[in-house]
Amino acid sequence: MTQQEVSWKEKHVYKVRDQRSPVIIDEPESEILRSEVEPWLTALFQSEHLGLLVGAGLPAALHSLAKGYANAGMERMPLSAFSDQIDKATIESAKRAGRGNANIEDQIRVCNELIRGLEIYVTTDVYGSGKIRKELQKLKYEVAHGLVAFANNVLRSEHNVINAAKSEVAAEYLMNFLVSFSSRSATRERLNLFTTNYDRLIEYGAELAGVRLIDRFVGTINPVFRSSRVEVDMHYNPPGIRGEPRYLEGIVHFTKLHGSLDWAAKDNVIKRFALPYGASDITQYASDDQINLMVYPNSSKDRETSEYPYVEMFRDLAASACRANSTLVVYGYSFGDEHINRVLVDMLSIPSTHLVIISYDDDSGRVQNFYAQAKRPAQISLLIGKHFGDLQILVDNYLPKPAIDRTTIKMADLLKSRGLAQSDSKHIENEDKA
């Protein structure tokens, strides 16, 4: 069944290799599909430039592994000041962005615009300005405390992942997921990892897996965000050899597109403050001025300071993706951010690029709409549905294992040189079938 007109909602859809259109299957079987999907992904992962974009689907999958249910979503914060106006504008903002249901990001964006507009309006003593000032102060207070409550919900999800009964299972699959992408040959360009999430699950998994993350922050005690795009890397000197440094493996360039829980604007710079992983209350560690918490699209008192890091990071995404011979893998991203979608469309305008979309579902229809509007089916691979988006099934069956692949290639070359390739390959196939 290859009818593109059929909705992808609650269906398993895949498109790999030279398939001309997406295929909808009722009951996917890992053993059969693995022979098609895994070699295709392995080949794509060897592209000259490899990127990974992770959305909210990853923390949801890890929370489900650890606790048996999904984590807290992006529900809007309760407001009493200007609530009717904000609710209406929030819904309209979500529709313009193609998201459908409004979330807290839409609400924050509307609140920022309203606060800035009212601040300008009450600069002169117009009629009713006194009452507006009181409501404005009330709105600022509610937004600040709503942000703190939202941050604490994200912290609670982090805490659940590392303290649940099955936390080791979740950590193992998180490590294997990251290693599948980061274990590229050191002579190839490093993996560029992007995430729209505010939590620090990727940082947690990278530490467990021994993956070193390089981002735009400089410093150890009080890291500061820098706008310079210097290609920082890591090398080592082999034992007994001086003057011939070699690239260190397991290095990843890391970018958090929407900010992070432990970022704050202070003294006209963006700093990363010490927030222990698994903490329950951000107010015990952050500064008193919670409105400066750098969670996109939240504004600090200085709007330019607030927008500056996000502009720089979106430039990093565009510079990384929009290059010849580039592959970008998207996991758990709902295609609800028009800024990111525009970058993906621009990337596909380069014929040698490829986009791999892995999603647990497409209930909103945004993935299907993006695929139809991009009009580049030959450059897009699809793995959509509860089967493909399940982190356990994905890691166990479909994601490549780089270390094993390299060993297999060396073994095949050795057997070929000895004239044993055909007989041994048949023996290996028989073992696989058994």
Protein backbone atom coordinates (compact mmCIF):
# COMPACT_ATOMS: atom_id res chain seq x y z
CA MET A 1 0.00 0.00 0.00
CA THR A 2 1.73 3.14 -1.18
CA GLN A 3 -1.03 5.73 -1.30
CA GLN A 4 0.40 9.06 -0.26
CA GLU A 5 -3.04 10.58 0.15
CA VAL A 6 -3.80 8.35 3.16
CA SER A 7 -3.26 9.99 6.54
CA TRP A 8 -0.22 8.76 8.48
CA LYS A 9 -2.01 9.12 11.81
CA GLU A 10 -1.65 5.97 13.96
CA LYS A 11 0.07 4.14 11.09
CA HIS A 12 3.50 2.66 10.48
CA VAL A 13 5.15 4.40 7.55
CA TYR A 14 8.62 3.80 6.19
CA LYS A 15 10.60 4.84 3.13
CA VAL A 16 14.24 3.85 2.64
CA ARG A 17 16.68 3.12 -0.14
CA ASP A 18 15.20 3.59 -3.63
CA GLN A 19 11.51 3.41 -2.69
CA ARG A 20 9.63 5.99 -4.73
CA SER A 21 6.91 6.67 -2.15
CA PRO A 22 6.22 5.93 1.55
CA VAL A 23 5.02 2.43 2.38
CA ILE A 24 2.31 1.88 5.00
CA ILE A 25 2.50 -1.45 6.82
CA ASP A 26 0.03 -2.88 9.33
CA GLU A 27 2.28 -5.14 11.41
CA PRO A 28 6.00 -4.32 11.07
CA GLU A 29 8.42 -7.15 11.83
CA SER A 30 11.89 -6.17 12.98
CA GLU A 31 13.63 -9.24 11.55
CA ILE A 32 12.34 -8.54 8.04
CA LEU A 33 12.69 -4.75 8.07
CA ARG A 34 16.16 -4.78 9.64
CA SER A 35 17.75 -6.07 6.43
CA GLU A 36 16.40 -3.01 4.59
CA VAL A 37 16.67 -0.26 7.19
CA GLU A 38 19.92 -0.94 9.07
CA PRO A 39 22.29 -1.09 6.05
CA TRP A 40 20.65 2.05 4.62
CA LEU A 41 21.14 3.99 7.85
CA THR A 42 24.70 2.67 8.16
CA ALA A 43 25.50 4.05 4.70
CA LEU A 44 23.90 7.43 5.47
CA PHE A 45 25.82 7.69 8.75
CA GLN A 46 29.04 7.60 6.75
CA SER A 47 28.18 10.86 4.99
CA GLU A 48 30.81 13.55 4.93
CA HIS A 49 28.72 15.68 7.31
CA LEU A 50 26.36 14.08 9.85
CA GLY A 51 23.88 15.89 12.07
CA LEU A 52 21.32 14.79 14.64
CA LEU A 53 18.30 16.86 15.66
CA VAL A 54 16.54 15.63 18.79
CA GLY A 55 13.12 16.83 19.93
CA ALA A 56 10.80 16.14 22.84
CA GLY A 57 10.35 12.54 21.74
CA LEU A 58 13.67 11.45 23.30
CA PRO A 59 12.93 12.51 26.92
CA ALA A 60 9.40 11.11 26.52
CA ALA A 61 10.82 7.76 25.39
CA LEU A 62 13.38 7.66 28.22
CA HIS A 63 10.75 8.58 30.82
CA SER A 64 8.51 5.80 29.49
CA LEU A 65 11.37 3.32 29.78
CA ALA A 66 12.17 4.37 33.33
CA LYS A 67 8.70 5.01 34.77
CA GLY A 68 6.28 3.34 32.37
CA TYR A 69 4.57 6.57 31.30
CA ALA A 70 5.47 9.74 29.40
CA ASN A 71 6.88 12.81 31.10
CA ALA A 72 5.13 16.14 31.66
CA GLY A 73 4.35 17.98 28.45
CA MET A 74 4.37 21.64 27.48
CA GLU A 75 1.13 22.65 29.19
CA ARG A 76 0.44 26.35 29.53
CA MET A 77 0.90 28.15 32.83
CA PRO A 78 -2.16 29.50 34.72
CA LEU A 79 -2.54 33.29 34.44
CA SER A 80 -5.09 35.71 35.89
CA ALA A 81 -3.82 39.05 34.50
CA PHE A 82 -5.00 39.67 30.91
CA SER A 83 -5.87 35.96 30.76
CA ASP A 84 -8.60 36.18 28.08
CA GLN A 85 -6.48 38.28 25.73
CA ILE A 86 -3.42 36.08 26.24
CA ASP A 87 -5.37 32.85 25.68
CA LYS A 88 -6.84 34.10 22.41
CA ALA A 89 -3.51 35.40 21.12
CA THR A 90 -1.73 32.19 22.20
CA ILE A 91 -4.11 30.01 20.19
CA GLU A 92 -3.69 32.25 17.15
CA SER A 93 0.09 32.12 17.54
CA ALA A 94 0.04 28.33 17.58
CA LYS A 95 -2.14 28.23 14.45
CA ARG A 96 0.21 30.57 12.59
CA ALA A 97 3.12 28.30 13.50
CA GLY A 98 1.19 25.26 12.28
CA ARG A 99 1.24 23.62 15.72
CA GLY A 100 -2.50 23.26 16.26
CA ASN A 101 -2.57 22.99 20.04
CA ALA A 102 -0.93 25.91 21.84
CA ASN A 103 1.84 25.18 24.36
CA ILE A 104 3.81 27.11 26.93
CA GLU A 105 6.25 28.45 24.30
CA ASP A 106 3.39 30.15 22.44
CA GLN A 107 2.12 31.54 25.74
CA ILE A 108 5.52 32.91 26.75
CA ARG A 109 5.96 34.55 23.35
CA VAL A 110 2.58 36.30 23.63
CA CYS A 111 3.26 37.39 27.22
CA ASN A 112 6.60 38.90 26.20
CA GLU A 113 5.00 40.90 23.41
CA LEU A 114 2.19 42.08 25.68
CA ILE A 115 4.56 43.08 28.48
CA ARG A 116 6.76 45.06 26.11
CA GLY A 117 3.79 46.79 24.52
CA LEU A 118 2.23 47.77 27.84
CA GLU A 119 5.57 49.05 29.14
CA ILE A 120 5.66 51.45 26.21
CA TYR A 121 1.99 52.39 26.60
CA VAL A 122 2.22 53.40 30.28
CA THR A 123 5.35 55.53 29.87
CA THR A 124 2.97 58.48 29.64
CA ASP A 125 0.22 59.03 32.18
CA VAL A 126 -2.66 58.07 29.92
CA TYR A 127 -6.12 57.37 31.30
CA GLY A 128 -6.15 54.13 33.29
CA SER A 129 -2.37 53.77 33.31
CA GLY A 130 -2.32 53.21 37.07
CA LYS A 131 -4.57 50.16 36.84
CA ILE A 132 -2.62 48.86 33.83
CA ARG A 133 0.66 49.17 35.76
CA LYS A 134 -0.75 47.05 38.58
CA GLU A 135 -1.96 44.38 36.15
CA LEU A 136 1.38 44.54 34.34
CA GLN A 137 3.31 43.88 37.56
CA LYS A 138 0.94 41.03 38.33
CA LEU A 139 1.52 39.53 34.87
CA LYS A 140 5.31 39.75 35.25
CA TYR A 141 5.07 38.04 38.63
CA GLU A 142 2.88 35.23 37.25
CA VAL A 143 5.12 34.67 34.21
CA ALA A 144 8.23 34.52 36.42
CA HIS A 145 6.68 31.99 38.78
CA GLY A 146 5.15 30.06 35.87
CA LEU A 147 8.62 29.69 34.40
CA VAL A 148 9.93 28.40 37.71
CA ALA A 149 7.09 25.86 37.89
CA PHE A 150 7.80 24.77 34.31
CA ALA A 151 11.52 24.40 35.05
CA ASN A 152 10.73 22.32 38.13
CA ASN A 153 8.51 20.01 36.05
CA VAL A 154 11.43 19.42 33.68
CA LEU A 155 13.73 18.81 36.65
CA ARG A 156 11.22 16.30 38.00
CA SER A 157 11.40 14.41 34.72
CA GLU A 158 15.21 14.34 34.95
CA HIS A 159 14.94 13.08 38.53
CA ASN A 160 12.50 10.32 37.52
CA VAL A 161 14.78 9.04 34.76
CA ILE A 162 17.76 8.53 37.09
CA ASN A 163 15.87 7.36 40.19
CA ALA A 164 13.16 5.06 38.79
CA ALA A 165 13.22 1.29 39.15
CA LYS A 166 14.26 0.88 35.51
CA SER A 167 16.65 3.82 35.40
CA GLU A 168 19.54 1.59 34.32
CA VAL A 169 17.57 0.37 31.32
CA ALA A 170 16.79 3.93 30.26
CA ALA A 171 20.43 4.97 30.74
CA GLU A 172 21.68 2.00 28.70
CA TYR A 173 19.46 2.79 25.73
CA LEU A 174 20.29 6.48 25.94
CA MET A 175 24.01 5.66 25.79
CA ASN A 176 23.58 3.23 22.89
CA PHE A 177 21.47 5.79 21.02
CA LEU A 178 24.14 8.48 21.35
CA VAL A 179 27.06 6.15 20.60
CA SER A 180 25.39 5.00 17.35
CA PHE A 181 25.74 8.55 16.06
CA SER A 182 28.90 9.78 17.79
CA SER A 183 31.19 6.80 17.04
CA ARG A 184 32.26 8.10 13.66
CA SER A 185 35.82 7.66 12.52
CA ALA A 186 37.94 10.39 14.07
CA THR A 187 39.18 11.48 10.65
CA ARG A 188 35.63 12.36 9.56
CA GLU A 189 33.89 15.55 10.60
CA ARG A 190 32.41 15.42 14.08
CA LEU A 191 28.74 14.76 14.71
CA ASN A 192 26.74 17.97 15.06
CA LEU A 193 24.07 17.35 17.70
CA PHE A 194 21.14 19.76 18.06
CA THR A 195 18.23 19.61 20.48
CA THR A 196 15.15 21.71 21.16
CA ASN A 197 14.85 20.31 24.70
CA TYR A 198 15.55 22.26 27.89
CA ASP A 199 16.49 19.22 29.97
CA ARG A 200 19.98 17.77 30.31
CA LEU A 201 19.33 14.14 29.46
CA ILE A 202 21.70 14.25 26.49
CA GLU A 203 24.47 15.65 28.69
CA TYR A 204 23.75 12.91 31.23
CA GLY A 205 23.90 10.16 28.61
CA ALA A 206 27.05 11.60 27.05
CA GLU A 207 28.85 11.48 30.39
CA LEU A 208 27.85 7.86 30.93
CA ALA A 209 28.96 6.90 27.41
CA GLY A 210 32.26 8.80 27.58
CA VAL A 211 31.23 11.16 24.77
CA ARG A 212 32.76 14.63 25.01
CA LEU A 213 30.42 17.50 24.17
CA ILE A 214 31.81 20.77 22.80
CA ASP A 215 29.48 23.76 22.90
CA ARG A 216 29.79 27.56 22.80
CA PHE A 217 30.41 27.94 26.55
CA VAL A 218 33.91 28.80 27.74
CA GLY A 219 35.05 28.28 31.31
CA THR A 220 34.84 25.70 34.08
CA ILE A 221 33.61 27.34 37.29
CA ASN A 222 31.27 29.87 35.69
CA PRO A 223 30.99 29.09 31.94
CA VAL A 224 30.09 32.02 29.67
CA PHE A 225 28.42 31.83 26.24
CA ARG A 226 30.67 32.99 23.40
CA SER A 227 29.54 33.89 19.89
CA SER A 228 32.79 32.92 18.17
CA ARG A 229 32.43 30.00 15.75
CA VAL A 230 35.94 28.61 16.17
CA GLU A 231 36.00 24.92 15.25
CA VAL A 232 37.32 23.70 18.61
CA ASP A 233 38.40 20.06 18.61
CA MET A 234 40.40 17.59 20.70
CA HIS A 235 43.60 15.76 19.79
CA TYR A 236 46.06 13.48 21.56
CA ASN A 237 49.68 12.42 21.09
CA PRO A 238 50.12 8.65 20.61
CA PRO A 239 52.54 7.04 23.09
CA GLY A 240 56.12 7.49 21.97
CA ILE A 241 55.22 9.83 19.10
CA ARG A 242 55.60 13.57 19.43
CA GLY A 243 54.54 16.23 16.96
CA GLU A 244 51.92 14.06 15.24
CA PRO A 245 48.66 14.65 17.14
CA ARG A 246 45.70 12.49 16.21
CA TYR A 247 41.98 13.19 16.47
CA LEU A 248 40.31 11.95 19.64
CA GLU A 249 37.24 9.79 19.06
CA GLY A 250 33.85 10.40 20.63
CA ILE A 251 33.78 14.18 20.15
CA VAL A 252 30.41 15.88 19.44
CA HIS A 253 29.58 19.52 18.70
CA PHE A 254 26.49 20.21 20.81
CA THR A 255 23.87 22.96 20.48
CA LYS A 256 20.70 23.54 22.53
CA LEU A 257 18.55 25.56 20.15
CA HIS A 258 15.92 26.63 22.69
CA GLY A 259 18.16 27.21 25.67
CA SER A 260 18.58 25.18 28.83
CA LEU A 261 17.44 25.01 32.43
CA ASP A 262 20.88 25.99 33.68
CA TRP A 263 21.33 29.08 31.47
CA ALA A 264 20.69 32.56 32.83
CA ALA A 265 21.25 36.13 31.63
CA LYS A 266 23.30 38.12 34.11
CA ASP A 267 25.56 41.14 33.75
CA ASN A 268 24.76 41.34 30.02
CA VAL A 269 26.17 37.87 29.34
CA ILE A 270 24.73 34.36 29.19
CA LYS A 271 26.09 32.14 31.93
CA ARG A 272 25.59 28.50 32.84
CA PHE A 273 25.07 28.18 36.56
CA ALA A 274 25.64 25.09 38.69
CA LEU A 275 22.41 23.07 38.74
CA PRO A 276 22.89 19.49 39.99
CA TYR A 277 21.38 16.78 37.83
CA GLY A 278 18.35 15.35 39.64
CA ALA A 279 17.65 18.53 41.63
CA SER A 280 14.01 19.15 42.51
CA ASP A 281 13.81 22.95 42.88
CA ILE A 282 15.60 25.40 40.61
CA THR A 283 15.15 28.33 43.03
CA GLN A 284 17.72 26.81 45.38
CA TYR A 285 20.44 27.23 42.76
CA ALA A 286 19.39 30.01 40.36
CA SER A 287 19.52 33.75 40.94
CA ASP A 288 16.56 35.57 42.43
CA ASP A 289 15.64 37.22 39.12
CA GLN A 290 13.96 34.17 37.57
CA ILE A 291 12.67 36.16 34.62
CA ASN A 292 16.22 35.95 33.24
CA LEU A 293 16.07 32.16 32.94
CA MET A 294 17.23 31.53 29.37
CA VAL A 295 14.41 29.32 28.14
CA TYR A 296 13.34 30.24 24.62
CA PRO A 297 11.47 32.40 23.83
CA ASN A 298 11.62 34.03 27.24
CA SER A 299 12.85 37.63 27.30
CA SER A 300 15.16 39.02 29.89
CA LYS A 301 15.09 42.70 30.78
CA ASP A 302 17.41 43.31 27.86
CA ARG A 303 15.64 41.82 24.83
CA GLU A 304 18.76 41.92 22.69
CA THR A 305 20.60 39.83 25.27
CA SER A 306 17.76 37.32 25.20
CA GLU A 307 17.58 36.95 21.43
CA TYR A 308 21.32 36.92 20.81
CA PRO A 309 22.18 33.33 21.83
CA TYR A 310 19.28 31.79 19.91
CA VAL A 311 20.16 33.62 16.71
CA GLU A 312 23.73 32.34 16.97
CA MET A 313 22.63 28.76 17.58
CA PHE A 314 20.16 28.72 14.69
CA ARG A 315 22.99 29.95 12.49
CA ASP A 316 24.98 26.93 13.66
CA LEU A 317 22.11 24.64 12.63
CA ALA A 318 21.87 26.23 9.18
CA ALA A 319 25.65 26.20 8.66
CA SER A 320 25.85 22.54 9.67
CA ALA A 321 22.88 21.22 7.69
CA CYS A 322 23.02 23.29 4.50
CA ARG A 323 26.16 21.75 3.04
CA ALA A 324 26.84 19.33 0.22
CA ASN A 325 27.07 15.63 1.21
CA SER A 326 25.26 16.28 4.49
CA THR A 327 22.87 13.93 6.28
CA LEU A 328 20.57 15.09 9.08
CA VAL A 329 18.70 12.59 11.26
CA VAL A 330 15.63 13.91 13.07
CA TYR A 331 14.29 11.99 16.08
CA GLY A 332 11.30 12.96 18.20
CA TYR A 333 10.83 16.37 16.56
CA SER A 334 7.21 17.34 15.81
CA PHE A 335 7.99 19.84 13.02
CA GLY A 336 6.24 22.57 15.00
CA ASP A 337 9.05 25.13 14.77
CA GLU A 338 8.97 27.14 11.55
CA HIS A 339 12.54 28.39 12.08
CA ILE A 340 13.84 24.82 12.00
CA ASN A 341 11.52 23.76 9.18
CA ARG A 342 12.85 26.53 6.95
CA VAL A 343 16.41 25.35 7.55
CA LEU A 344 15.41 21.78 6.62
CA VAL A 345 13.75 22.96 3.41
CA ASP A 346 16.84 24.99 2.51
CA MET A 347 19.02 21.97 3.21
CA LEU A 348 17.01 19.80 0.82
CA SER A 349 17.56 22.33 -1.96
CA ILE A 350 21.11 20.91 -2.16
CA PRO A 351 20.83 17.66 -4.19
CA SER A 352 23.49 15.71 -2.25
CA THR A 353 21.85 16.19 1.17
CA HIS A 354 19.57 13.68 2.88
CA LEU A 355 17.01 13.94 5.68
CA VAL A 356 16.03 10.97 7.88
CA ILE A 357 12.82 11.44 9.89
CA ILE A 358 12.22 9.07 12.81
CA SER A 359 9.00 9.73 14.74
CA TYR A 360 6.82 7.82 17.20
CA ASP A 361 3.66 9.12 15.51
CA ASP A 362 2.28 11.81 13.26
CA ASP A 363 -1.05 12.52 14.95
CA SER A 364 -0.77 16.23 14.15
CA GLY A 365 -0.06 15.55 10.48
CA ARG A 366 2.88 17.97 10.46
CA VAL A 367 5.44 15.39 9.32
CA GLN A 368 3.24 14.38 6.39
CA ASN A 369 2.65 18.03 5.49
CA PHE A 370 6.38 18.76 5.59
CA TYR A 371 7.13 15.75 3.38
CA ALA A 372 4.50 16.85 0.84
CA GLN A 373 5.57 20.51 0.82
CA ALA A 374 9.31 19.79 0.63
CA LYS A 375 8.78 18.04 -2.74
CA ARG A 376 12.10 16.20 -2.40
CA PRO A 377 11.03 12.57 -1.85
CA ALA A 378 14.31 11.12 -3.12
CA GLN A 379 16.21 12.99 -0.38
CA ILE A 380 13.96 12.00 2.54
CA SER A 381 13.86 8.69 4.42
CA LEU A 382 10.95 7.97 6.77
CA LEU A 383 10.57 5.76 9.85
CA ILE A 384 7.25 6.73 11.42
CA GLY A 385 5.04 4.87 13.86
CA LYS A 386 5.10 3.34 17.32
CA HIS A 387 7.31 0.50 16.09
CA PHE A 388 10.03 2.63 14.51
CA GLY A 389 9.86 5.42 17.11
CA ASP A 390 10.16 3.05 20.07
CA LEU A 391 13.65 3.72 21.46
CA GLN A 392 14.28 0.09 22.42
CA ILE A 393 13.27 -1.31 19.04
CA LEU A 394 15.14 1.44 17.21
CA VAL A 395 18.42 0.88 19.07
CA ASP A 396 18.22 -2.93 19.07
CA ASN A 397 17.27 -3.40 15.43
CA TYR A 398 17.79 -0.39 13.19
CA LEU A 399 20.52 1.96 14.37
CA PRO A 400 24.01 0.98 13.16
CA LYS A 401 26.67 -0.21 15.57
CA PRO A 402 29.78 1.56 14.25
CA ALA A 403 32.34 -0.49 16.18
CA ILE A 404 30.82 -3.75 14.97
CA ASP A 405 30.54 -2.42 11.42
CA ARG A 406 34.23 -1.53 11.26
CA THR A 407 35.22 -4.95 12.55
CA THR A 408 32.90 -6.67 10.07
CA ILE A 409 34.40 -4.71 7.16
CA LYS A 410 37.94 -5.63 8.21
CA MET A 411 36.94 -9.28 8.58
CA ALA A 412 35.32 -9.27 5.12
CA ASP A 413 38.45 -7.74 3.56
CA LEU A 414 40.65 -10.33 5.25
CA LEU A 415 38.46 -13.24 4.14
CA LYS A 416 38.34 -11.83 0.61
CA SER A 417 42.13 -11.67 0.45
CA ARG A 418 42.26 -15.33 1.51
CA GLY A 419 39.64 -16.38 -1.02
CA LEU A 420 37.20 -17.39 1.70
CA ALA A 421 34.67 -14.59 1.35
CA GLN A 422 31.91 -16.55 -0.39
CA SER A 423 31.94 -19.64 1.79
CA ASP A 424 32.22 -17.67 5.02
CA SER A 425 29.54 -15.20 4.01
CA LYS A 426 27.13 -18.09 3.40
CA HIS A 427 28.07 -19.51 6.79
CA ILE A 428 27.39 -16.14 8.44
CA GLU A 429 24.02 -15.87 6.68
CA ASN A 430 23.05 -19.35 7.92
CA GLU A 431 24.00 -18.38 11.46
CA ASP A 432 21.91 -15.20 11.21
CA LYS A 433 18.90 -17.17 10.02
CA ALA A 434 19.36 -19.68 12.84
